[in-house]
Amino acid sequence: MAKPQPRRIPSDDCEVTINGEVYTPHEGEYVEMLVGQTVSEISAARRFLELQPKFAALKGEDDENQQVTALLDDAFEGICKSLAGRVVSWNWTDDAGRPLPPPDGTSGPIKNLRAEEVYYLIGCAKGEPPAERKNG
């Protein structure tokens, strides 16, 4: 049996919000990735999604920002490592239209993305890019 092949996913529906404005920075671009998730990737995504109640519990603490940043750092590290093994290539560009560094199997190129772009890739890895979700 052959190994699964990367899937090319048009990224027209990847949205980021900057100063209240919604942008589609990867319109006309694509990402190629191996879809499906391992148990460790599902676990990393679950830990990431469970952060919201932890943030709420930190509200008003003297060191709230530092604790939130530490939680985010740990969560993003796991997510970026997972995605690094999934994202095979892309033709994504930055805000100035320059090509982003190509995925190389390390978390470095993924860490340079905006949070919304990482969320988008998580959905794609699950096989659920926004344009293909049944509930829109």
C-alpha atoms as a PDB file:
ATOM      1  CA  MET A   1       0.000   0.000   0.000  1.00  0.00           C
ATOM      2  CA  ALA A   2       1.181   3.491  -0.796  1.00  0.00           C
ATOM      3  CA  LYS A   3       1.632   6.141   1.846  1.00  0.00           C
ATOM      4  CA  PRO A   4      -0.974   8.922   2.023  1.00  0.00           C
ATOM      5  CA  GLN A   5      -0.193  11.808  -0.268  1.00  0.00           C
ATOM      6  CA  PRO A   6      -0.266  15.453   0.797  1.00  0.00           C
ATOM      7  CA  ARG A   7      -3.488  17.262   0.046  1.00  0.00           C
ATOM      8  CA  ARG A   8      -3.408  20.675  -1.648  1.00  0.00           C
ATOM      9  CA  ILE A   9      -5.801  22.983   0.149  1.00  0.00           C
ATOM     10  CA  PRO A  10      -6.682  26.373  -1.349  1.00  0.00           C
ATOM     11  CA  SER A  11      -6.230  28.988   1.382  1.00  0.00           C
ATOM     12  CA  ASP A  12      -8.695  31.596   0.119  1.00  0.00           C
ATOM     13  CA  ASP A  13     -10.789  31.118   3.273  1.00  0.00           C
ATOM     14  CA  CYS A  14      -7.980  31.742   5.777  1.00  0.00           C
ATOM     15  CA  GLU A  15      -9.009  34.906   7.622  1.00  0.00           C
ATOM     16  CA  VAL A  16      -7.110  37.153  10.018  1.00  0.00           C
ATOM     17  CA  THR A  17      -8.435  40.160  11.887  1.00  0.00           C
ATOM     18  CA  ILE A  18      -6.248  43.223  12.295  1.00  0.00           C
ATOM     19  CA  ASN A  19      -7.603  46.298  14.080  1.00  0.00           C
ATOM     20  CA  GLY A  20     -11.146  45.024  13.606  1.00  0.00           C
ATOM     21  CA  GLU A  21     -10.732  44.488   9.855  1.00  0.00           C
ATOM     22  CA  VAL A  22     -10.982  40.979   8.392  1.00  0.00           C
ATOM     23  CA  TYR A  23      -8.381  40.081   5.763  1.00  0.00           C
ATOM     24  CA  THR A  24      -7.791  37.009   3.603  1.00  0.00           C
ATOM     25  CA  PRO A  25      -3.992  37.182   3.337  1.00  0.00           C
ATOM     26  CA  HIS A  26      -3.637  33.884   1.463  1.00  0.00           C
ATOM     27  CA  GLU A  27      -6.254  34.395  -1.215  1.00  0.00           C
ATOM     28  CA  GLY A  28      -5.073  32.587  -4.352  1.00  0.00           C
ATOM     29  CA  GLU A  29      -2.497  30.645  -2.318  1.00  0.00           C
ATOM     30  CA  TYR A  30      -2.429  27.065  -1.037  1.00  0.00           C
ATOM     31  CA  VAL A  31      -0.976  24.801   1.597  1.00  0.00           C
ATOM     32  CA  GLU A  32      -0.082  21.151   1.009  1.00  0.00           C
ATOM     33  CA  MET A  33      -0.361  18.949   4.030  1.00  0.00           C
ATOM     34  CA  LEU A  34      -0.836  15.436   5.238  1.00  0.00           C
ATOM     35  CA  VAL A  35      -4.317  15.356   6.747  1.00  0.00           C
ATOM     36  CA  GLY A  36      -5.491  13.316   9.687  1.00  0.00           C
ATOM     37  CA  GLN A  37      -4.227  13.522  13.225  1.00  0.00           C
ATOM     38  CA  THR A  38      -2.195  11.315  15.511  1.00  0.00           C
ATOM     39  CA  VAL A  39      -3.203  10.744  19.122  1.00  0.00           C
ATOM     40  CA  SER A  40      -0.511  13.170  20.307  1.00  0.00           C
ATOM     41  CA  GLU A  41      -1.767  15.825  17.875  1.00  0.00           C
ATOM     42  CA  ILE A  42      -5.328  15.406  19.109  1.00  0.00           C
ATOM     43  CA  SER A  43      -4.056  15.715  22.665  1.00  0.00           C
ATOM     44  CA  ALA A  44      -2.075  18.885  21.853  1.00  0.00           C
ATOM     45  CA  ALA A  45      -5.143  20.422  20.188  1.00  0.00           C
ATOM     46  CA  ARG A  46      -7.325  19.492  23.174  1.00  0.00           C
ATOM     47  CA  ARG A  47      -4.863  21.079  25.621  1.00  0.00           C
ATOM     48  CA  PHE A  48      -4.849  24.184  23.453  1.00  0.00           C
ATOM     49  CA  LEU A  49      -8.648  24.404  23.420  1.00  0.00           C
ATOM     50  CA  GLU A  50      -8.801  23.953  27.196  1.00  0.00           C
ATOM     51  CA  LEU A  51      -6.879  27.169  27.803  1.00  0.00           C
ATOM     52  CA  GLN A  52      -9.933  29.468  27.842  1.00  0.00           C
ATOM     53  CA  PRO A  53     -11.121  28.446  31.349  1.00  0.00           C
ATOM     54  CA  LYS A  54      -7.553  28.762  32.604  1.00  0.00           C
ATOM     55  CA  PHE A  55      -7.389  32.305  31.220  1.00  0.00           C
ATOM     56  CA  ALA A  56     -10.669  33.146  32.954  1.00  0.00           C
ATOM     57  CA  ALA A  57      -9.300  31.819  36.256  1.00  0.00           C
ATOM     58  CA  LEU A  58      -6.291  34.136  35.956  1.00  0.00           C
ATOM     59  CA  LYS A  59      -8.406  37.283  35.500  1.00  0.00           C
ATOM     60  CA  GLY A  60      -7.341  39.981  37.926  1.00  0.00           C
ATOM     61  CA  GLU A  61      -4.172  38.224  39.105  1.00  0.00           C
ATOM     62  CA  ASP A  62      -1.167  40.497  39.560  1.00  0.00           C
ATOM     63  CA  ASP A  63       0.866  38.445  37.091  1.00  0.00           C
ATOM     64  CA  GLU A  64      -2.055  37.601  34.777  1.00  0.00           C
ATOM     65  CA  ASN A  65      -0.228  38.572  31.567  1.00  0.00           C
ATOM     66  CA  GLN A  66       2.870  36.564  32.435  1.00  0.00           C
ATOM     67  CA  GLN A  67       0.849  33.464  33.316  1.00  0.00           C
ATOM     68  CA  VAL A  68      -1.284  33.746  30.161  1.00  0.00           C
ATOM     69  CA  THR A  69       1.853  34.139  28.046  1.00  0.00           C
ATOM     70  CA  ALA A  70       3.417  31.058  29.664  1.00  0.00           C
ATOM     71  CA  LEU A  71       0.279  29.000  29.006  1.00  0.00           C
ATOM     72  CA  LEU A  72       0.154  30.167  25.392  1.00  0.00           C
ATOM     73  CA  ASP A  73       3.846  29.484  24.828  1.00  0.00           C
ATOM     74  CA  ASP A  74       3.505  25.880  25.969  1.00  0.00           C
ATOM     75  CA  ALA A  75       0.315  25.290  23.985  1.00  0.00           C
ATOM     76  CA  PHE A  76       1.592  26.886  20.782  1.00  0.00           C
ATOM     77  CA  GLU A  77       4.845  24.946  21.043  1.00  0.00           C
ATOM     78  CA  GLY A  78       2.962  21.640  20.962  1.00  0.00           C
ATOM     79  CA  ILE A  79       0.652  22.740  18.156  1.00  0.00           C
ATOM     80  CA  CYS A  80       3.507  24.104  16.027  1.00  0.00           C
ATOM     81  CA  LYS A  81       5.515  20.898  16.449  1.00  0.00           C
ATOM     82  CA  SER A  82       2.493  18.856  15.372  1.00  0.00           C
ATOM     83  CA  LEU A  83       1.797  21.024  12.347  1.00  0.00           C
ATOM     84  CA  ALA A  84       5.467  21.003  11.334  1.00  0.00           C
ATOM     85  CA  GLY A  85       5.173  17.305  10.598  1.00  0.00           C
ATOM     86  CA  ARG A  86       1.986  17.797   8.585  1.00  0.00           C
ATOM     87  CA  VAL A  87       2.661  20.879   6.447  1.00  0.00           C
ATOM     88  CA  VAL A  88       4.651  19.728   3.423  1.00  0.00           C
ATOM     89  CA  SER A  89       4.699  22.923   1.367  1.00  0.00           C
ATOM     90  CA  TRP A  90       2.890  26.176   0.722  1.00  0.00           C
ATOM     91  CA  ASN A  91       3.058  29.188  -1.478  1.00  0.00           C
ATOM     92  CA  TRP A  92       1.954  31.546   1.288  1.00  0.00           C
ATOM     93  CA  THR A  93       3.244  35.103   1.275  1.00  0.00           C
ATOM     94  CA  ASP A  94       3.620  37.761   3.952  1.00  0.00           C
ATOM     95  CA  ASP A  95       1.708  41.050   4.070  1.00  0.00           C
ATOM     96  CA  ALA A  96       4.153  42.596   1.599  1.00  0.00           C
ATOM     97  CA  GLY A  97       3.661  39.742  -0.894  1.00  0.00           C
ATOM     98  CA  ARG A  98       7.049  38.111  -0.210  1.00  0.00           C
ATOM     99  CA  PRO A  99       7.137  34.303   0.007  1.00  0.00           C
ATOM    100  CA  LEU A 100       7.130  32.969   3.545  1.00  0.00           C
ATOM    101  CA  PRO A 101       9.988  30.627   4.450  1.00  0.00           C
ATOM    102  CA  PRO A 102       9.028  27.150   3.240  1.00  0.00           C
ATOM    103  CA  PRO A 103       7.976  24.498   5.734  1.00  0.00           C
ATOM    104  CA  ASP A 104      11.018  22.371   6.577  1.00  0.00           C
ATOM    105  CA  GLY A 105       9.705  19.877   9.129  1.00  0.00           C
ATOM    106  CA  THR A 106      10.612  22.126  12.057  1.00  0.00           C
ATOM    107  CA  SER A 107       8.274  24.369  14.000  1.00  0.00           C
ATOM    108  CA  GLY A 108      10.166  27.546  12.981  1.00  0.00           C
ATOM    109  CA  PRO A 109       8.133  28.474   9.882  1.00  0.00           C
ATOM    110  CA  ILE A 110       4.861  27.702  11.697  1.00  0.00           C
ATOM    111  CA  LYS A 111       5.820  29.832  14.703  1.00  0.00           C
ATOM    112  CA  ASN A 112       6.188  32.861  12.421  1.00  0.00           C
ATOM    113  CA  LEU A 113       2.494  32.749  11.496  1.00  0.00           C
ATOM    114  CA  ARG A 114      -0.346  34.649  13.134  1.00  0.00           C
ATOM    115  CA  ALA A 115      -2.509  32.760  15.617  1.00  0.00           C
ATOM    116  CA  GLU A 116      -5.441  32.763  13.156  1.00  0.00           C
ATOM    117  CA  GLU A 117      -3.225  31.168  10.511  1.00  0.00           C
ATOM    118  CA  VAL A 118      -2.228  28.446  12.972  1.00  0.00           C
ATOM    119  CA  TYR A 119      -5.913  27.864  13.847  1.00  0.00           C
ATOM    120  CA  TYR A 120      -6.618  27.590  10.127  1.00  0.00           C
ATOM    121  CA  LEU A 121      -3.891  24.968   9.704  1.00  0.00           C
ATOM    122  CA  ILE A 122      -5.258  23.011  12.669  1.00  0.00           C
ATOM    123  CA  GLY A 123      -8.617  22.817  10.891  1.00  0.00           C
ATOM    124  CA  CYS A 124      -6.939  21.768   7.662  1.00  0.00           C
ATOM    125  CA  ALA A 125      -4.973  19.035   9.467  1.00  0.00           C
ATOM    126  CA  LYS A 126      -8.249  17.674  10.796  1.00  0.00           C
ATOM    127  CA  GLY A 127      -9.539  17.694   7.212  1.00  0.00           C
ATOM    128  CA  GLU A 128     -11.877  20.594   7.937  1.00  0.00           C
ATOM    129  CA  PRO A 129     -10.826  23.783   6.151  1.00  0.00           C
ATOM    130  CA  PRO A 130     -13.515  26.446   6.744  1.00  0.00           C
ATOM    131  CA  ALA A 131     -14.817  26.223   3.161  1.00  0.00           C
ATOM    132  CA  GLU A 132     -15.512  22.506   3.571  1.00  0.00           C
ATOM    133  CA  ARG A 133     -17.242  22.518   6.951  1.00  0.00           C
ATOM    134  CA  LYS A 134     -20.838  21.409   6.631  1.00  0.00           C
ATOM    135  CA  ASN A 135     -22.149  24.026   9.036  1.00  0.00           C
ATOM    136  CA  GLY A 136     -20.266  26.851   7.310  1.00  0.00           C
END
